[in-house]
């Protein structure tokens, strides 16, 4: 198996397990990643997922040796082609070349990054909602050297995360971006000590999982939808989240009125 899926309470941990190739993704691995995240999103017992890699590497991108062997031909391109009806939702799941990169999940995913997250591996990390990097981890559009384009959302998500100017720097030069710089430009959300990416990501996932989930997912979905909407439509879309108030907010207000959470305390909610 090239993918391992484990549970930690309400958290799903998906591990790319090809350490001999720095977790480069071939077609079978991409299929397994896609299936793992569709299953995660459809399981009501799962609240947050963590994506990581085995053996001290996150992912070195698409397996170019596999591609050079003839695995990437006309049939592969046809399988991954997108038509104008594509809307990014799970009603018509579409695999990306790296697997789940065209899925819009209803629940958050955190990348736990050790070592390289480069080329398609960087695109997988960008697909996640948050990124935790070890101090020695790094990103980069390393496929720039080989004439391989970013086709798993990299040219779309990177500018939205770090801004257009910084994104063009990284896309055009393909240079190595170490963890400290990733944190400074917003590409990483947390930087931790070596060997602690998974534990740090799991701690973050548990924090997210303990909040009322309908409200959290509604806010997350609104933040994702707003990119394609003008301000009036974005505000109208956001108002749909008010439905979560009836299911969770009223009870939350009662807990606050009883004395919990005063002074910004997140400990007993």
C-alpha atoms as a PDB file:
ATOM      1  CA  UNK A   1       0.000   0.000   0.000  1.00  0.00           C
ATOM      2  CA  UNK A   2       1.251   3.479  -0.882  1.00  0.00           C
ATOM      3  CA  UNK A   3      -1.222   5.218   1.451  1.00  0.00           C
ATOM      4  CA  UNK A   4      -1.919   4.584   5.125  1.00  0.00           C
ATOM      5  CA  UNK A   5      -5.078   5.838   6.818  1.00  0.00           C
ATOM      6  CA  UNK A   6      -5.197   5.883  10.621  1.00  0.00           C
ATOM      7  CA  UNK A   7      -7.518   7.310  13.260  1.00  0.00           C
ATOM      8  CA  UNK A   8      -6.661   9.445  16.264  1.00  0.00           C
ATOM      9  CA  UNK A   9      -9.975   9.975  18.035  1.00  0.00           C
ATOM     10  CA  UNK A  10     -12.057  12.080  15.650  1.00  0.00           C
ATOM     11  CA  UNK A  11      -8.999  12.834  13.483  1.00  0.00           C
ATOM     12  CA  UNK A  12      -8.084  10.984  10.286  1.00  0.00           C
ATOM     13  CA  UNK A  13      -4.366  10.766   9.473  1.00  0.00           C
ATOM     14  CA  UNK A  14      -3.525  10.096   5.826  1.00  0.00           C
ATOM     15  CA  UNK A  15       0.119   9.181   5.235  1.00  0.00           C
ATOM     16  CA  UNK A  16       1.835   8.956   1.855  1.00  0.00           C
ATOM     17  CA  UNK A  17       4.040   5.896   2.309  1.00  0.00           C
ATOM     18  CA  UNK A  18       6.672   5.783  -0.426  1.00  0.00           C
ATOM     19  CA  UNK A  19       9.700   6.929   1.593  1.00  0.00           C
ATOM     20  CA  UNK A  20      12.196   5.365  -0.815  1.00  0.00           C
ATOM     21  CA  UNK A  21      10.988   7.930  -3.384  1.00  0.00           C
ATOM     22  CA  UNK A  22      10.505  10.770  -0.875  1.00  0.00           C
ATOM     23  CA  UNK A  23       6.780  10.064  -1.184  1.00  0.00           C
ATOM     24  CA  UNK A  24       6.554  10.987  -4.851  1.00  0.00           C
ATOM     25  CA  UNK A  25       3.062  10.229  -6.134  1.00  0.00           C
ATOM     26  CA  UNK A  26       2.394   7.818  -8.980  1.00  0.00           C
ATOM     27  CA  UNK A  27      -1.025   7.138 -10.495  1.00  0.00           C
ATOM     28  CA  UNK A  28      -1.929   4.417  -7.979  1.00  0.00           C
ATOM     29  CA  UNK A  29      -0.961   6.664  -5.070  1.00  0.00           C
ATOM     30  CA  UNK A  30      -2.990   9.541  -6.510  1.00  0.00           C
ATOM     31  CA  UNK A  31      -6.026   7.250  -6.771  1.00  0.00           C
ATOM     32  CA  UNK A  32      -5.550   6.071  -3.178  1.00  0.00           C
ATOM     33  CA  UNK A  33      -5.206   9.651  -1.887  1.00  0.00           C
ATOM     34  CA  UNK A  34      -8.365  10.680  -3.691  1.00  0.00           C
ATOM     35  CA  UNK A  35     -10.335   7.757  -2.272  1.00  0.00           C
ATOM     36  CA  UNK A  36      -9.011   8.341   1.241  1.00  0.00           C
ATOM     37  CA  UNK A  37     -10.189  11.950   1.325  1.00  0.00           C
ATOM     38  CA  UNK A  38     -13.580  11.214  -0.227  1.00  0.00           C
ATOM     39  CA  UNK A  39     -14.068   8.578   2.489  1.00  0.00           C
ATOM     40  CA  UNK A  40     -12.956  11.037   5.189  1.00  0.00           C
ATOM     41  CA  UNK A  41     -15.395  13.698   4.028  1.00  0.00           C
ATOM     42  CA  UNK A  42     -18.316  11.259   3.912  1.00  0.00           C
ATOM     43  CA  UNK A  43     -17.689   9.768   7.370  1.00  0.00           C
ATOM     44  CA  UNK A  44     -19.750  11.685   9.968  1.00  0.00           C
ATOM     45  CA  UNK A  45     -17.455  10.483  12.765  1.00  0.00           C
ATOM     46  CA  UNK A  46     -14.422  12.229  11.249  1.00  0.00           C
ATOM     47  CA  UNK A  47     -13.943  15.960  11.928  1.00  0.00           C
ATOM     48  CA  UNK A  48     -10.440  16.934  10.767  1.00  0.00           C
ATOM     49  CA  UNK A  49      -7.808  15.221   8.619  1.00  0.00           C
ATOM     50  CA  UNK A  50      -4.032  15.475   8.712  1.00  0.00           C
ATOM     51  CA  UNK A  51      -2.020  14.758   5.558  1.00  0.00           C
ATOM     52  CA  UNK A  52       1.606  13.766   6.057  1.00  0.00           C
ATOM     53  CA  UNK A  53       4.409  11.681   4.558  1.00  0.00           C
ATOM     54  CA  UNK A  54       6.481   8.773   5.827  1.00  0.00           C
ATOM     55  CA  UNK A  55      10.224   8.722   6.407  1.00  0.00           C
ATOM     56  CA  UNK A  56      10.911  12.399   7.048  1.00  0.00           C
ATOM     57  CA  UNK A  57       9.521  13.748   3.776  1.00  0.00           C
ATOM     58  CA  UNK A  58       6.123  15.200   2.916  1.00  0.00           C
ATOM     59  CA  UNK A  59       6.038  14.726  -0.864  1.00  0.00           C
ATOM     60  CA  UNK A  60       8.561  15.291  -3.662  1.00  0.00           C
ATOM     61  CA  UNK A  61       5.822  15.761  -6.251  1.00  0.00           C
ATOM     62  CA  UNK A  62       4.613  13.549  -9.069  1.00  0.00           C
ATOM     63  CA  UNK A  63       6.794  10.499  -9.728  1.00  0.00           C
ATOM     64  CA  UNK A  64       8.630  11.611 -12.872  1.00  0.00           C
ATOM     65  CA  UNK A  65      10.264   8.221 -13.386  1.00  0.00           C
ATOM     66  CA  UNK A  66       6.754   6.744 -13.431  1.00  0.00           C
ATOM     67  CA  UNK A  67       5.680   9.423 -15.912  1.00  0.00           C
ATOM     68  CA  UNK A  68       8.723   8.749 -18.104  1.00  0.00           C
ATOM     69  CA  UNK A  69       7.845   5.046 -18.212  1.00  0.00           C
ATOM     70  CA  UNK A  70       4.783   5.805 -20.346  1.00  0.00           C
ATOM     71  CA  UNK A  71       2.175   6.015 -17.599  1.00  0.00           C
ATOM     72  CA  UNK A  72       1.275   9.564 -18.623  1.00  0.00           C
ATOM     73  CA  UNK A  73      -0.223   9.290 -22.084  1.00  0.00           C
ATOM     74  CA  UNK A  74      -3.318  10.415 -23.965  1.00  0.00           C
ATOM     75  CA  UNK A  75      -5.616   8.289 -21.798  1.00  0.00           C
ATOM     76  CA  UNK A  76      -4.185   9.885 -18.636  1.00  0.00           C
ATOM     77  CA  UNK A  77      -4.740  13.395 -19.997  1.00  0.00           C
ATOM     78  CA  UNK A  78      -8.295  12.522 -21.042  1.00  0.00           C
ATOM     79  CA  UNK A  79      -9.040  11.084 -17.597  1.00  0.00           C
ATOM     80  CA  UNK A  80      -7.962  14.300 -15.873  1.00  0.00           C
ATOM     81  CA  UNK A  81      -9.431  16.782 -18.338  1.00  0.00           C
ATOM     82  CA  UNK A  82     -11.831  19.380 -16.942  1.00  0.00           C
ATOM     83  CA  UNK A  83     -14.849  20.781 -18.753  1.00  0.00           C
ATOM     84  CA  UNK A  84     -16.654  24.076 -18.000  1.00  0.00           C
ATOM     85  CA  UNK A  85     -19.259  22.304 -15.851  1.00  0.00           C
ATOM     86  CA  UNK A  86     -16.668  21.470 -13.190  1.00  0.00           C
ATOM     87  CA  UNK A  87     -17.680  23.140  -9.921  1.00  0.00           C
ATOM     88  CA  UNK A  88     -15.224  21.636  -7.465  1.00  0.00           C
ATOM     89  CA  UNK A  89     -17.804  19.884  -5.325  1.00  0.00           C
ATOM     90  CA  UNK A  90     -18.119  16.250  -4.350  1.00  0.00           C
ATOM     91  CA  UNK A  91     -21.351  15.683  -6.258  1.00  0.00           C
ATOM     92  CA  UNK A  92     -19.137  14.835  -9.229  1.00  0.00           C
ATOM     93  CA  UNK A  93     -15.759  13.872  -7.762  1.00  0.00           C
ATOM     94  CA  UNK A  94     -12.849  14.585 -10.079  1.00  0.00           C
ATOM     95  CA  UNK A  95      -9.345  13.344  -9.463  1.00  0.00           C
ATOM     96  CA  UNK A  96      -6.429  15.691  -9.889  1.00  0.00           C
ATOM     97  CA  UNK A  97      -3.087  14.348 -11.117  1.00  0.00           C
ATOM     98  CA  UNK A  98      -1.925  14.289  -7.465  1.00  0.00           C
ATOM     99  CA  UNK A  99      -5.252  12.856  -6.266  1.00  0.00           C
ATOM    100  CA  UNK A 100      -7.530  15.025  -4.099  1.00  0.00           C
ATOM    101  CA  UNK A 101      -6.490  18.460  -5.375  1.00  0.00           C
ATOM    102  CA  UNK A 102      -9.802  19.160  -7.148  1.00  0.00           C
ATOM    103  CA  UNK A 103     -11.992  18.148  -4.222  1.00  0.00           C
ATOM    104  CA  UNK A 104     -13.691  20.833  -2.159  1.00  0.00           C
ATOM    105  CA  UNK A 105     -14.209  19.074   1.146  1.00  0.00           C
ATOM    106  CA  UNK A 106     -16.690  20.071   3.829  1.00  0.00           C
ATOM    107  CA  UNK A 107     -14.110  19.551   6.594  1.00  0.00           C
ATOM    108  CA  UNK A 108     -10.623  20.960   7.213  1.00  0.00           C
ATOM    109  CA  UNK A 109      -7.331  19.271   6.328  1.00  0.00           C
ATOM    110  CA  UNK A 110      -3.964  20.122   7.884  1.00  0.00           C
ATOM    111  CA  UNK A 111      -0.629  19.342   6.200  1.00  0.00           C
ATOM    112  CA  UNK A 112       2.117  18.072   8.532  1.00  0.00           C
ATOM    113  CA  UNK A 113       5.305  18.769   6.595  1.00  0.00           C
ATOM    114  CA  UNK A 114       8.772  17.358   7.171  1.00  0.00           C
ATOM    115  CA  UNK A 115      11.504  17.618   4.556  1.00  0.00           C
ATOM    116  CA  UNK A 116      10.425  18.487   1.012  1.00  0.00           C
ATOM    117  CA  UNK A 117       6.974  19.601  -0.079  1.00  0.00           C
ATOM    118  CA  UNK A 118       7.951  20.465  -3.621  1.00  0.00           C
ATOM    119  CA  UNK A 119       6.410  20.569  -7.098  1.00  0.00           C
ATOM    120  CA  UNK A 120       3.174  18.557  -6.910  1.00  0.00           C
ATOM    121  CA  UNK A 121       3.892  17.973  -3.223  1.00  0.00           C
ATOM    122  CA  UNK A 122       3.735  21.713  -2.698  1.00  0.00           C
ATOM    123  CA  UNK A 123       0.413  21.734  -4.540  1.00  0.00           C
ATOM    124  CA  UNK A 124      -0.910  19.059  -2.176  1.00  0.00           C
ATOM    125  CA  UNK A 125       0.167  21.227   0.772  1.00  0.00           C
ATOM    126  CA  UNK A 126      -1.527  24.286  -0.782  1.00  0.00           C
ATOM    127  CA  UNK A 127      -4.747  22.266  -1.126  1.00  0.00           C
ATOM    128  CA  UNK A 128      -4.813  21.800   2.646  1.00  0.00           C
ATOM    129  CA  UNK A 129      -6.441  24.436   4.849  1.00  0.00           C
ATOM    130  CA  UNK A 130      -3.378  24.877   7.069  1.00  0.00           C
ATOM    131  CA  UNK A 131       0.274  23.903   6.913  1.00  0.00           C
ATOM    132  CA  UNK A 132       2.537  22.902   9.816  1.00  0.00           C
ATOM    133  CA  UNK A 133       6.231  22.764   8.883  1.00  0.00           C
ATOM    134  CA  UNK A 134       9.255  21.485  10.723  1.00  0.00           C
ATOM    135  CA  UNK A 135      12.179  23.909  10.928  1.00  0.00           C
ATOM    136  CA  UNK A 136      14.107  21.980   8.284  1.00  0.00           C
ATOM    137  CA  UNK A 137      11.175  21.525   5.923  1.00  0.00           C
ATOM    138  CA  UNK A 138      10.919  23.435   2.657  1.00  0.00           C
ATOM    139  CA  UNK A 139       8.739  24.088  -0.363  1.00  0.00           C
ATOM    140  CA  UNK A 140       9.483  25.027  -3.946  1.00  0.00           C
ATOM    141  CA  UNK A 141       8.277  24.769  -7.525  1.00  0.00           C
ATOM    142  CA  UNK A 142      11.068  22.318  -8.286  1.00  0.00           C
ATOM    143  CA  UNK A 143       9.264  21.071 -11.399  1.00  0.00           C
ATOM    144  CA  UNK A 144      10.351  24.360 -13.005  1.00  0.00           C
ATOM    145  CA  UNK A 145      13.617  22.588 -13.912  1.00  0.00           C
ATOM    146  CA  UNK A 146      11.957  19.859 -15.981  1.00  0.00           C
ATOM    147  CA  UNK A 147       9.288  21.658 -17.994  1.00  0.00           C
ATOM    148  CA  UNK A 148       6.479  20.263 -15.870  1.00  0.00           C
ATOM    149  CA  UNK A 149       3.710  22.831 -15.205  1.00  0.00           C
ATOM    150  CA  UNK A 150       1.675  23.326 -12.064  1.00  0.00           C
ATOM    151  CA  UNK A 151      -1.619  21.578 -12.855  1.00  0.00           C
ATOM    152  CA  UNK A 152      -2.884  20.687  -9.361  1.00  0.00           C
ATOM    153  CA  UNK A 153      -4.040  24.159  -8.352  1.00  0.00           C
ATOM    154  CA  UNK A 154      -0.618  25.665  -7.662  1.00  0.00           C
ATOM    155  CA  UNK A 155      -1.053  28.715  -9.890  1.00  0.00           C
ATOM    156  CA  UNK A 156      -4.486  29.321  -8.349  1.00  0.00           C
ATOM    157  CA  UNK A 157      -3.949  28.670  -4.647  1.00  0.00           C
ATOM    158  CA  UNK A 158      -0.433  30.061  -4.232  1.00  0.00           C
ATOM    159  CA  UNK A 159      -1.345  33.660  -5.252  1.00  0.00           C
ATOM    160  CA  UNK A 160      -4.424  33.503  -3.027  1.00  0.00           C
ATOM    161  CA  UNK A 161      -2.341  32.451  -0.039  1.00  0.00           C
ATOM    162  CA  UNK A 162       0.786  34.623  -0.365  1.00  0.00           C
ATOM    163  CA  UNK A 163      -0.255  37.352  -2.831  1.00  0.00           C
ATOM    164  CA  UNK A 164       0.475  37.737  -6.536  1.00  0.00           C
ATOM    165  CA  UNK A 165       3.962  39.244  -6.312  1.00  0.00           C
ATOM    166  CA  UNK A 166       5.371  36.615  -3.980  1.00  0.00           C
ATOM    167  CA  UNK A 167       3.659  33.848  -5.927  1.00  0.00           C
ATOM    168  CA  UNK A 168       5.272  34.989  -9.182  1.00  0.00           C
ATOM    169  CA  UNK A 169       8.676  34.959  -7.503  1.00  0.00           C
ATOM    170  CA  UNK A 170       8.225  31.343  -6.423  1.00  0.00           C
ATOM    171  CA  UNK A 171       6.555  30.175  -9.641  1.00  0.00           C
ATOM    172  CA  UNK A 172       9.072  31.745 -12.027  1.00  0.00           C
ATOM    173  CA  UNK A 173      12.279  30.939 -10.137  1.00  0.00           C
ATOM    174  CA  UNK A 174      11.344  27.546  -8.693  1.00  0.00           C
ATOM    175  CA  UNK A 175      13.638  28.365  -5.780  1.00  0.00           C
ATOM    176  CA  UNK A 176      13.773  26.623  -2.424  1.00  0.00           C
ATOM    177  CA  UNK A 177      11.559  28.252   0.226  1.00  0.00           C
ATOM    178  CA  UNK A 178      12.609  27.256   3.707  1.00  0.00           C
ATOM    179  CA  UNK A 179      10.226  26.999   6.653  1.00  0.00           C
ATOM    180  CA  UNK A 180      11.121  30.368   8.198  1.00  0.00           C
ATOM    181  CA  UNK A 181      10.339  32.198   4.955  1.00  0.00           C
ATOM    182  CA  UNK A 182       7.175  30.140   4.458  1.00  0.00           C
ATOM    183  CA  UNK A 183       5.998  31.324   7.878  1.00  0.00           C
ATOM    184  CA  UNK A 184       6.904  34.949   7.177  1.00  0.00           C
ATOM    185  CA  UNK A 185       4.892  35.088   3.929  1.00  0.00           C
ATOM    186  CA  UNK A 186       1.889  33.126   5.205  1.00  0.00           C
ATOM    187  CA  UNK A 187       2.652  29.945   3.318  1.00  0.00           C
ATOM    188  CA  UNK A 188       3.079  28.085   6.630  1.00  0.00           C
ATOM    189  CA  UNK A 189       0.756  28.559   9.606  1.00  0.00           C
ATOM    190  CA  UNK A 190       3.021  26.978  12.220  1.00  0.00           C
ATOM    191  CA  UNK A 191       6.721  26.068  12.376  1.00  0.00           C
ATOM    192  CA  UNK A 192       7.830  23.441  14.876  1.00  0.00           C
ATOM    193  CA  UNK A 193      10.968  21.561  15.867  1.00  0.00           C
ATOM    194  CA  UNK A 194      12.348  18.720  13.768  1.00  0.00           C
ATOM    195  CA  UNK A 195      10.380  15.509  14.142  1.00  0.00           C
ATOM    196  CA  UNK A 196       7.309  17.240  15.591  1.00  0.00           C
ATOM    197  CA  UNK A 197       5.202  18.132  12.531  1.00  0.00           C
ATOM    198  CA  UNK A 198       2.695  15.318  12.963  1.00  0.00           C
ATOM    199  CA  UNK A 199       2.287  15.836  16.718  1.00  0.00           C
ATOM    200  CA  UNK A 200       1.889  19.594  16.240  1.00  0.00           C
ATOM    201  CA  UNK A 201      -0.664  19.089  13.455  1.00  0.00           C
ATOM    202  CA  UNK A 202      -2.598  16.591  15.567  1.00  0.00           C
ATOM    203  CA  UNK A 203      -2.678  19.023  18.491  1.00  0.00           C
ATOM    204  CA  UNK A 204      -4.036  21.690  16.162  1.00  0.00           C
ATOM    205  CA  UNK A 205      -6.560  19.246  14.688  1.00  0.00           C
ATOM    206  CA  UNK A 206      -7.840  18.297  18.142  1.00  0.00           C
ATOM    207  CA  UNK A 207      -8.310  21.979  18.990  1.00  0.00           C
ATOM    208  CA  UNK A 208     -10.378  22.468  15.832  1.00  0.00           C
ATOM    209  CA  UNK A 209     -12.337  19.247  16.371  1.00  0.00           C
ATOM    210  CA  UNK A 210     -13.614  20.294  19.812  1.00  0.00           C
ATOM    211  CA  UNK A 211     -15.462  23.363  18.495  1.00  0.00           C
ATOM    212  CA  UNK A 212     -19.133  23.229  17.375  1.00  0.00           C
ATOM    213  CA  UNK A 213     -18.725  21.790  13.899  1.00  0.00           C
ATOM    214  CA  UNK A 214     -21.738  23.113  11.945  1.00  0.00           C
ATOM    215  CA  UNK A 215     -20.700  26.716  12.585  1.00  0.00           C
ATOM    216  CA  UNK A 216     -17.018  26.016  11.910  1.00  0.00           C
ATOM    217  CA  UNK A 217     -17.759  24.298   8.601  1.00  0.00           C
ATOM    218  CA  UNK A 218     -20.195  27.012   7.544  1.00  0.00           C
ATOM    219  CA  UNK A 219     -17.579  29.731   8.124  1.00  0.00           C
ATOM    220  CA  UNK A 220     -14.930  27.684   6.314  1.00  0.00           C
ATOM    221  CA  UNK A 221     -17.229  27.111   3.331  1.00  0.00           C
ATOM    222  CA  UNK A 222     -18.099  30.812   3.133  1.00  0.00           C
ATOM    223  CA  UNK A 223     -14.425  31.778   3.169  1.00  0.00           C
ATOM    224  CA  UNK A 224     -13.796  29.395   0.267  1.00  0.00           C
ATOM    225  CA  UNK A 225     -16.845  30.501  -1.770  1.00  0.00           C
ATOM    226  CA  UNK A 226     -16.155  34.217  -1.537  1.00  0.00           C
ATOM    227  CA  UNK A 227     -13.216  34.062  -3.984  1.00  0.00           C
ATOM    228  CA  UNK A 228     -15.574  33.708  -6.942  1.00  0.00           C
ATOM    229  CA  UNK A 229     -18.187  36.246  -5.741  1.00  0.00           C
ATOM    230  CA  UNK A 230     -18.476  40.010  -5.697  1.00  0.00           C
ATOM    231  CA  UNK A 231     -19.081  41.664  -2.321  1.00  0.00           C
ATOM    232  CA  UNK A 232     -22.925  41.677  -2.349  1.00  0.00           C
ATOM    233  CA  UNK A 233     -23.140  38.023  -3.398  1.00  0.00           C
ATOM    234  CA  UNK A 234     -20.391  37.056  -0.947  1.00  0.00           C
ATOM    235  CA  UNK A 235     -22.307  38.693   1.913  1.00  0.00           C
ATOM    236  CA  UNK A 236     -25.528  36.989   0.821  1.00  0.00           C
ATOM    237  CA  UNK A 237     -23.668  33.672   0.704  1.00  0.00           C
ATOM    238  CA  UNK A 238     -22.211  34.279   4.159  1.00  0.00           C
ATOM    239  CA  UNK A 239     -25.713  34.888   5.555  1.00  0.00           C
ATOM    240  CA  UNK A 240     -26.520  31.243   4.844  1.00  0.00           C
ATOM    241  CA  UNK A 241     -24.264  30.438   7.796  1.00  0.00           C
ATOM    242  CA  UNK A 242     -26.923  31.916  10.091  1.00  0.00           C
ATOM    243  CA  UNK A 243     -28.676  28.550   9.885  1.00  0.00           C
ATOM    244  CA  UNK A 244     -25.906  27.157  12.079  1.00  0.00           C
ATOM    245  CA  UNK A 245     -26.950  29.541  14.842  1.00  0.00           C
ATOM    246  CA  UNK A 246     -30.179  27.657  15.345  1.00  0.00           C
ATOM    247  CA  UNK A 247     -28.429  24.297  15.566  1.00  0.00           C
ATOM    248  CA  UNK A 248     -25.435  25.367  17.664  1.00  0.00           C
ATOM    249  CA  UNK A 249     -25.350  29.078  18.418  1.00  0.00           C
ATOM    250  CA  UNK A 250     -28.355  29.221  20.735  1.00  0.00           C
ATOM    251  CA  UNK A 251     -26.916  26.473  22.923  1.00  0.00           C
ATOM    252  CA  UNK A 252     -23.528  28.192  22.804  1.00  0.00           C
ATOM    253  CA  UNK A 253     -25.126  31.442  23.955  1.00  0.00           C
ATOM    254  CA  UNK A 254     -26.668  29.579  26.896  1.00  0.00           C
ATOM    255  CA  UNK A 255     -23.261  28.199  27.889  1.00  0.00           C
ATOM    256  CA  UNK A 256     -21.773  31.691  27.731  1.00  0.00           C
ATOM    257  CA  UNK A 257     -24.628  33.092  29.824  1.00  0.00           C
ATOM    258  CA  UNK A 258     -23.923  30.408  32.435  1.00  0.00           C
ATOM    259  CA  UNK A 259     -20.427  31.826  32.895  1.00  0.00           C
ATOM    260  CA  UNK A 260     -18.247  29.804  30.518  1.00  0.00           C
ATOM    261  CA  UNK A 261     -15.679  31.358  28.175  1.00  0.00           C
ATOM    262  CA  UNK A 262     -15.439  34.718  29.938  1.00  0.00           C
ATOM    263  CA  UNK A 263     -12.387  36.859  29.231  1.00  0.00           C
ATOM    264  CA  UNK A 264     -11.679  34.970  26.010  1.00  0.00           C
ATOM    265  CA  UNK A 265     -11.128  31.657  27.816  1.00  0.00           C
ATOM    266  CA  UNK A 266     -11.092  28.759  25.356  1.00  0.00           C
ATOM    267  CA  UNK A 267     -10.444  26.141  28.014  1.00  0.00           C
ATOM    268  CA  UNK A 268     -13.971  25.070  29.009  1.00  0.00           C
ATOM    269  CA  UNK A 269     -16.399  25.675  26.204  1.00  0.00           C
END
